[in-house]
């Protein structure tokens, strides 16, 4: 096994780079928020969706099936990934259950 004279340096560098690449969550216009709220109100468990969102300190595009929908908590799960409604920028249903 090779000797690592600077144990932990690589991990510290990766952590620092990740923090540096983080982005701020975007704000939606009133029109975008209204469209998103309408789409969320029609959403049903089991539907396959594609959404643009803020996840893990980065903007992301996710695809998957809605496995849990909790409008009263303003949360949903895409496959097993939990998302807050506030973190979603746009949502498109790609198929019906």
N, C-alpha and C. Protein backbone atom coordinates (compact mmCIF):
# COMPACT_ATOMS: atom_id res chain seq x y z
N UNK A 1 0.85 -1.17 0.00
CA UNK A 1 0.00 0.00 0.00
C UNK A 1 0.90 1.24 0.00
N UNK A 2 0.66 2.18 -0.94
CA UNK A 2 1.51 3.37 -1.00
C UNK A 2 1.26 4.30 0.19
N UNK A 3 2.28 5.03 0.55
CA UNK A 3 2.21 5.98 1.65
C UNK A 3 1.61 7.29 1.14
N UNK A 4 0.63 7.83 1.86
CA UNK A 4 0.00 9.10 1.50
C UNK A 4 0.49 10.17 2.47
N UNK A 5 1.49 10.92 2.05
CA UNK A 5 2.11 11.93 2.92
C UNK A 5 1.14 13.07 3.23
N UNK A 6 0.19 13.31 2.39
CA UNK A 6 -0.76 14.41 2.60
C UNK A 6 -2.17 13.85 2.73
N UNK A 7 -2.34 12.99 3.69
CA UNK A 7 -3.61 12.31 3.90
C UNK A 7 -4.75 13.34 4.04
N UNK A 8 -5.79 13.13 3.28
CA UNK A 8 -6.96 14.00 3.34
C UNK A 8 -6.89 15.20 2.41
N UNK A 9 -5.76 15.47 1.80
CA UNK A 9 -5.63 16.64 0.93
C UNK A 9 -6.56 16.54 -0.28
N UNK A 10 -6.60 15.40 -0.93
CA UNK A 10 -7.46 15.24 -2.11
C UNK A 10 -8.93 15.45 -1.75
N UNK A 11 -9.36 14.90 -0.63
CA UNK A 11 -10.74 15.07 -0.20
C UNK A 11 -11.03 16.54 0.11
N UNK A 12 -10.12 17.22 0.79
CA UNK A 12 -10.30 18.64 1.10
C UNK A 12 -10.37 19.47 -0.18
N UNK A 13 -9.56 19.15 -1.17
CA UNK A 13 -9.59 19.87 -2.44
C UNK A 13 -10.92 19.65 -3.17
N UNK A 14 -11.43 18.41 -3.17
CA UNK A 14 -12.73 18.12 -3.79
C UNK A 14 -13.85 18.89 -3.09
N UNK A 15 -13.83 18.91 -1.76
CA UNK A 15 -14.85 19.64 -1.00
C UNK A 15 -14.82 21.13 -1.33
N UNK A 16 -13.64 21.68 -1.40
CA UNK A 16 -13.50 23.11 -1.69
C UNK A 16 -14.00 23.43 -3.11
N UNK A 17 -13.66 22.58 -4.07
CA UNK A 17 -14.11 22.79 -5.44
C UNK A 17 -15.63 22.71 -5.51
N UNK A 18 -16.23 21.74 -4.82
CA UNK A 18 -17.69 21.59 -4.82
C UNK A 18 -18.34 22.84 -4.24
N UNK A 19 -17.83 23.36 -3.14
CA UNK A 19 -18.40 24.57 -2.53
C UNK A 19 -18.28 25.75 -3.48
N UNK A 20 -17.18 25.83 -4.20
CA UNK A 20 -16.94 26.92 -5.14
C UNK A 20 -17.93 26.89 -6.31
N UNK A 21 -18.35 25.70 -6.73
CA UNK A 21 -19.23 25.55 -7.87
C UNK A 21 -20.71 25.68 -7.53
N UNK A 22 -21.06 25.84 -6.27
CA UNK A 22 -22.46 25.97 -5.86
C UNK A 22 -23.10 27.19 -6.50
N UNK A 23 -24.41 27.08 -6.74
CA UNK A 23 -25.16 28.20 -7.30
C UNK A 23 -26.28 28.60 -6.35
N UNK A 24 -26.80 29.79 -6.54
CA UNK A 24 -27.93 30.27 -5.75
C UNK A 24 -29.24 29.80 -6.40
N UNK A 25 -30.24 29.61 -5.58
CA UNK A 25 -31.56 29.24 -6.09
C UNK A 25 -32.15 30.44 -6.84
N UNK A 26 -32.71 30.19 -8.01
CA UNK A 26 -33.33 31.25 -8.80
C UNK A 26 -34.73 31.56 -8.29
N UNK A 27 -35.17 32.77 -8.49
CA UNK A 27 -36.54 33.17 -8.17
C UNK A 27 -37.38 33.10 -9.44
N UNK A 28 -38.61 32.66 -9.31
CA UNK A 28 -39.52 32.59 -10.44
C UNK A 28 -40.32 33.88 -10.56
N UNK A 29 -40.67 34.24 -11.78
CA UNK A 29 -41.57 35.38 -11.98
C UNK A 29 -42.97 34.95 -11.50
N UNK A 30 -43.87 35.91 -11.37
CA UNK A 30 -45.24 35.58 -10.95
C UNK A 30 -45.90 34.66 -11.97
N UNK A 31 -45.64 34.91 -13.26
CA UNK A 31 -46.22 34.08 -14.31
C UNK A 31 -45.68 32.65 -14.25
N UNK A 32 -44.37 32.51 -14.07
CA UNK A 32 -43.76 31.18 -13.96
C UNK A 32 -44.29 30.44 -12.73
N UNK A 33 -44.42 31.15 -11.62
CA UNK A 33 -44.94 30.54 -10.39
C UNK A 33 -46.38 30.08 -10.58
N UNK A 34 -47.19 30.86 -11.28
CA UNK A 34 -48.58 30.48 -11.52
C UNK A 34 -48.65 29.23 -12.40
N UNK A 35 -47.82 29.17 -13.46
CA UNK A 35 -47.78 27.99 -14.33
C UNK A 35 -47.35 26.75 -13.56
N UNK A 36 -46.33 26.91 -12.73
CA UNK A 36 -45.84 25.79 -11.93
C UNK A 36 -46.90 25.31 -10.95
N UNK A 37 -47.58 26.24 -10.27
CA UNK A 37 -48.63 25.86 -9.33
C UNK A 37 -49.75 25.11 -10.02
N UNK A 38 -50.11 25.53 -11.23
CA UNK A 38 -51.15 24.83 -11.99
C UNK A 38 -50.70 23.42 -12.34
N UNK A 39 -49.45 23.27 -12.77
CA UNK A 39 -48.92 21.94 -13.11
C UNK A 39 -48.87 21.05 -11.87
N UNK A 40 -48.45 21.61 -10.73
CA UNK A 40 -48.38 20.82 -9.50
C UNK A 40 -49.77 20.41 -9.02
N UNK A 41 -50.77 21.25 -9.23
CA UNK A 41 -52.12 20.91 -8.78
C UNK A 41 -52.72 19.76 -9.60
N UNK A 42 -52.25 19.59 -10.85
CA UNK A 42 -52.74 18.48 -11.70
C UNK A 42 -51.92 17.21 -11.54
N UNK A 43 -50.81 17.29 -10.85
CA UNK A 43 -49.89 16.17 -10.72
C UNK A 43 -50.48 15.04 -9.87
N UNK A 44 -50.22 13.80 -10.28
CA UNK A 44 -50.71 12.62 -9.57
C UNK A 44 -49.57 11.64 -9.34
N UNK A 45 -49.65 10.89 -8.26
CA UNK A 45 -48.68 9.83 -7.98
C UNK A 45 -48.68 8.83 -9.12
N UNK A 46 -47.49 8.41 -9.52
CA UNK A 46 -47.35 7.43 -10.58
C UNK A 46 -47.02 8.04 -11.94
N UNK A 47 -47.24 9.35 -12.09
CA UNK A 47 -46.93 9.99 -13.36
C UNK A 47 -45.42 10.14 -13.52
N UNK A 48 -44.98 10.04 -14.75
CA UNK A 48 -43.57 10.24 -15.08
C UNK A 48 -43.40 11.71 -15.43
N UNK A 49 -42.36 12.36 -14.87
CA UNK A 49 -42.16 13.79 -15.07
C UNK A 49 -40.72 14.11 -15.41
N UNK A 50 -40.55 15.27 -15.98
CA UNK A 50 -39.23 15.87 -16.21
C UNK A 50 -39.33 17.25 -15.58
N UNK A 51 -38.38 17.55 -14.71
CA UNK A 51 -38.43 18.86 -14.07
C UNK A 51 -37.07 19.50 -13.97
N UNK A 52 -37.12 20.81 -13.94
CA UNK A 52 -35.94 21.63 -13.74
C UNK A 52 -36.05 22.13 -12.30
N UNK A 53 -34.95 21.97 -11.53
CA UNK A 53 -35.05 22.30 -10.11
C UNK A 53 -33.70 22.70 -9.53
N UNK A 54 -33.74 23.10 -8.29
CA UNK A 54 -32.55 23.40 -7.51
C UNK A 54 -32.36 22.22 -6.56
N UNK A 55 -31.25 21.51 -6.71
CA UNK A 55 -31.02 20.32 -5.89
C UNK A 55 -29.53 20.21 -5.57
N UNK A 56 -29.22 20.05 -4.32
CA UNK A 56 -27.83 19.86 -3.90
C UNK A 56 -26.96 21.07 -4.22
N UNK A 57 -27.50 22.26 -4.05
CA UNK A 57 -26.79 23.53 -4.29
C UNK A 57 -26.47 23.77 -5.76
N UNK A 58 -27.19 23.09 -6.66
CA UNK A 58 -26.97 23.26 -8.10
C UNK A 58 -28.31 23.22 -8.82
N UNK A 59 -28.37 23.84 -10.00
CA UNK A 59 -29.54 23.68 -10.86
C UNK A 59 -29.42 22.32 -11.53
N UNK A 60 -30.55 21.62 -11.63
CA UNK A 60 -30.52 20.26 -12.18
C UNK A 60 -31.78 20.01 -13.00
N UNK A 61 -31.69 19.04 -13.88
CA UNK A 61 -32.84 18.53 -14.63
C UNK A 61 -32.99 17.07 -14.22
N UNK A 62 -34.16 16.73 -13.72
CA UNK A 62 -34.42 15.38 -13.24
C UNK A 62 -35.58 14.77 -13.99
N UNK A 63 -35.52 13.47 -14.17
CA UNK A 63 -36.63 12.72 -14.76
C UNK A 63 -36.90 11.52 -13.88
N UNK A 64 -38.17 11.19 -13.73
CA UNK A 64 -38.52 10.03 -12.93
C UNK A 64 -40.01 9.96 -12.70
N UNK A 65 -40.40 9.02 -11.87
CA UNK A 65 -41.80 8.81 -11.55
C UNK A 65 -42.11 9.42 -10.19
N UNK A 66 -43.27 10.05 -10.08
CA UNK A 66 -43.71 10.63 -8.82
C UNK A 66 -44.13 9.47 -7.92
N UNK A 67 -43.37 9.24 -6.86
CA UNK A 67 -43.67 8.12 -5.96
C UNK A 67 -44.42 8.58 -4.71
N UNK A 68 -44.36 9.86 -4.41
CA UNK A 68 -45.10 10.39 -3.26
C UNK A 68 -45.40 11.85 -3.54
N UNK A 69 -46.61 12.25 -3.20
CA UNK A 69 -47.05 13.62 -3.40
C UNK A 69 -47.71 14.11 -2.13
N UNK A 70 -47.16 15.15 -1.53
CA UNK A 70 -47.68 15.70 -0.28
C UNK A 70 -47.92 17.21 -0.43
N UNK A 71 -49.02 17.61 -1.08
CA UNK A 71 -49.27 19.04 -1.28
C UNK A 71 -49.36 19.83 0.02
N UNK A 72 -49.91 19.20 1.07
CA UNK A 72 -50.04 19.91 2.36
C UNK A 72 -48.68 20.23 2.97
N UNK A 73 -47.67 19.45 2.64
CA UNK A 73 -46.30 19.69 3.11
C UNK A 73 -45.45 20.36 2.04
N UNK A 74 -46.05 20.58 0.85
CA UNK A 74 -45.35 21.18 -0.29
C UNK A 74 -44.10 20.39 -0.66
N UNK A 75 -44.27 19.05 -0.71
CA UNK A 75 -43.16 18.14 -1.04
C UNK A 75 -43.65 17.05 -1.98
N UNK A 76 -42.71 16.51 -2.72
CA UNK A 76 -42.97 15.33 -3.53
C UNK A 76 -41.69 14.52 -3.62
N UNK A 77 -41.82 13.29 -4.08
CA UNK A 77 -40.66 12.43 -4.32
C UNK A 77 -40.67 12.02 -5.77
N UNK A 78 -39.52 12.17 -6.40
CA UNK A 78 -39.30 11.66 -7.75
C UNK A 78 -38.43 10.43 -7.56
N UNK A 79 -39.00 9.27 -7.87
CA UNK A 79 -38.42 7.99 -7.49
C UNK A 79 -38.23 8.06 -5.97
N UNK A 80 -37.06 8.05 -5.43
CA UNK A 80 -36.91 8.18 -3.97
C UNK A 80 -36.26 9.50 -3.56
N UNK A 81 -36.19 10.44 -4.50
CA UNK A 81 -35.54 11.72 -4.26
C UNK A 81 -36.56 12.75 -3.76
N UNK A 82 -36.42 13.23 -2.51
CA UNK A 82 -37.38 14.22 -1.99
C UNK A 82 -37.10 15.61 -2.55
N UNK A 83 -38.17 16.33 -2.90
CA UNK A 83 -38.05 17.69 -3.41
C UNK A 83 -39.12 18.58 -2.78
N UNK A 84 -38.73 19.79 -2.43
CA UNK A 84 -39.67 20.80 -1.97
C UNK A 84 -40.23 21.52 -3.19
N UNK A 85 -41.50 21.87 -3.15
CA UNK A 85 -42.10 22.60 -4.26
C UNK A 85 -41.31 23.87 -4.57
N UNK A 86 -40.79 24.53 -3.54
CA UNK A 86 -40.06 25.79 -3.71
C UNK A 86 -38.77 25.62 -4.52
N UNK A 87 -38.27 24.39 -4.61
CA UNK A 87 -37.03 24.12 -5.34
C UNK A 87 -37.27 23.78 -6.81
N UNK A 88 -38.53 23.71 -7.22
CA UNK A 88 -38.86 23.34 -8.60
C UNK A 88 -39.04 24.60 -9.43
N UNK A 89 -38.37 24.64 -10.59
CA UNK A 89 -38.50 25.77 -11.51
C UNK A 89 -39.56 25.51 -12.56
N UNK A 90 -39.58 24.30 -13.12
CA UNK A 90 -40.60 23.93 -14.13
C UNK A 90 -40.82 22.43 -14.07
N UNK A 91 -42.01 22.02 -14.54
CA UNK A 91 -42.38 20.61 -14.46
C UNK A 91 -43.22 20.25 -15.68
N UNK A 92 -42.89 19.11 -16.28
CA UNK A 92 -43.63 18.60 -17.43
C UNK A 92 -43.94 17.13 -17.17
N UNK A 93 -45.21 16.76 -17.33
CA UNK A 93 -45.60 15.36 -17.23
C UNK A 93 -45.26 14.72 -18.57
N UNK A 94 -44.46 13.66 -18.54
CA UNK A 94 -44.04 13.01 -19.79
C UNK A 94 -44.88 11.80 -20.14
N UNK A 95 -45.64 11.26 -19.19
CA UNK A 95 -46.62 10.23 -19.49
C UNK A 95 -47.59 10.11 -18.32
N UNK A 96 -48.72 9.54 -18.59
CA UNK A 96 -49.71 9.31 -17.55
C UNK A 96 -49.53 7.91 -17.02
N UNK A 97 -49.97 7.69 -15.79
CA UNK A 97 -49.86 6.37 -15.17
C UNK A 97 -50.71 5.37 -15.88
